[in-house]
Amino acid sequence: MADYPTDSTPVGGYSPPMGERIAAPETIAAESRTAIQDLRTEIHDLRADMRIMLQTINDGFAEVRRVHDRDFRMTWGALIAGGLGLMYLLAHTAHRL
């Protein structure tokens, strides 16, 4: 029995040719290269999709900000008008006008 996997020799006492030994790592390297290229393509596509989603979200927030600003102005306008109206009512009931 061999101590190391590389020490195993086939029947006949000859080691396998160097081409067969190198073929396995070359195959693994080629498969890894194509897998990495596929991952890069997928990441590029995901980034493009994320940019589109981010633009859509930003557009939505801009609309919410616009509506919120309008509501904020209307609320403060109503508070001021209500306060002035109550002051007028108080002055009128106290016969100051």
Protein backbone atom coordinates (compact mmCIF):
# COMPACT_ATOMS: atom_id res chain seq x y z
CA MET A 1 0.00 0.00 0.00
CA ALA A 2 1.29 3.45 -0.88
CA ASP A 3 1.94 6.11 1.73
CA TYR A 4 0.85 8.95 -0.55
CA PRO A 5 -1.78 9.04 -3.31
CA THR A 6 0.86 10.11 -5.81
CA ASP A 7 2.98 7.06 -5.01
CA SER A 8 0.43 4.60 -6.42
CA THR A 9 1.60 2.88 -9.56
CA PRO A 10 -0.61 0.99 -11.98
CA VAL A 11 -0.18 -2.63 -12.93
CA GLY A 12 3.05 -3.09 -14.80
CA GLY A 13 5.08 -0.81 -12.56
CA TYR A 14 4.91 2.26 -14.80
CA SER A 15 3.60 5.64 -13.66
CA PRO A 16 0.86 7.19 -15.83
CA PRO A 17 2.03 9.57 -18.54
CA MET A 18 2.47 13.20 -17.55
CA GLY A 19 -0.32 14.33 -19.91
CA GLU A 20 -2.90 12.28 -18.01
CA ARG A 21 -1.65 13.65 -14.69
CA ILE A 22 -1.91 17.25 -15.84
CA ALA A 23 -5.29 16.81 -17.58
CA ALA A 24 -7.26 16.73 -14.33
CA PRO A 25 -5.94 20.04 -12.92
CA GLU A 26 -6.28 21.68 -16.34
CA THR A 27 -9.90 20.54 -16.52
CA ILE A 28 -10.57 21.85 -13.02
CA ALA A 29 -8.93 25.18 -13.91
CA ALA A 30 -10.99 25.53 -17.11
CA GLU A 31 -14.24 24.72 -15.27
CA SER A 32 -13.33 27.18 -12.51
CA ARG A 33 -12.57 29.87 -15.09
CA THR A 34 -15.95 29.46 -16.79
CA ALA A 35 -17.74 29.39 -13.41
CA ILE A 36 -16.02 32.64 -12.39
CA GLN A 37 -16.91 34.27 -15.71
CA ASP A 38 -20.54 33.21 -15.24
CA LEU A 39 -20.52 34.65 -11.71
CA ARG A 40 -19.09 37.93 -12.99
CA THR A 41 -21.84 38.13 -15.61
CA GLU A 42 -24.52 37.43 -13.01
CA ILE A 43 -23.07 40.03 -10.63
CA HIS A 44 -23.03 42.58 -13.45
CA ASP A 45 -26.69 41.84 -14.21
CA LEU A 46 -27.61 42.04 -10.51
CA ARG A 47 -25.88 45.41 -10.20
CA ALA A 48 -27.81 46.73 -13.19
CA ASP A 49 -31.07 45.50 -11.64
CA MET A 50 -30.14 47.08 -8.30
CA ARG A 51 -29.47 50.44 -10.02
CA ILE A 52 -32.91 50.32 -11.60
CA MET A 53 -34.55 49.42 -8.27
CA LEU A 54 -32.64 52.18 -6.47
CA GLN A 55 -33.77 54.74 -9.05
CA THR A 56 -37.37 53.58 -8.64
CA ILE A 57 -37.12 53.81 -4.85
CA ASN A 58 -35.59 57.30 -5.04
CA ASP A 59 -38.37 58.44 -7.37
CA GLY A 60 -40.95 57.09 -4.91
CA PHE A 61 -39.31 58.89 -1.99
CA ALA A 62 -39.24 62.14 -3.96
CA GLU A 63 -43.01 61.85 -4.46
CA VAL A 64 -43.54 61.11 -0.76
CA ARG A 65 -41.40 64.12 0.18
CA ARG A 66 -43.41 66.36 -2.12
CA VAL A 67 -46.72 65.18 -0.63
CA HIS A 68 -45.33 65.43 2.91
CA ASP A 69 -44.14 69.00 2.34
CA ARG A 70 -47.58 69.98 1.07
CA ASP A 71 -49.30 68.31 4.03
CA PHE A 72 -46.85 69.96 6.44
CA ARG A 73 -47.62 73.41 5.03
CA MET A 74 -51.34 72.76 5.13
CA THR A 75 -51.17 71.58 8.74
CA TRP A 76 -49.23 74.66 9.92
CA GLY A 77 -51.49 76.93 7.90
CA ALA A 78 -54.53 75.38 9.56
CA LEU A 79 -52.98 75.73 13.02
CA ILE A 80 -52.14 79.38 12.46
CA ALA A 81 -55.57 80.13 10.97
CA GLY A 82 -57.27 78.30 13.84
CA GLY A 83 -55.23 80.19 16.42
CA LEU A 84 -56.00 83.55 14.81
CA GLY A 85 -59.68 82.61 14.59
CA LEU A 86 -59.79 81.67 18.26
CA MET A 87 -58.03 84.93 19.20
CA TYR A 88 -60.61 86.89 17.17
CA LEU A 89 -63.45 84.97 18.80
CA LEU A 90 -62.02 85.63 22.24
CA ALA A 91 -61.55 89.34 21.51
CA HIS A 92 -65.06 89.58 20.02
CA THR A 93 -66.72 87.88 22.99
CA ALA A 94 -64.79 90.16 25.35
CA HIS A 95 -66.14 93.15 23.35
CA ARG A 96 -62.70 94.45 22.53
CA LEU A 97 -63.39 94.95 18.81
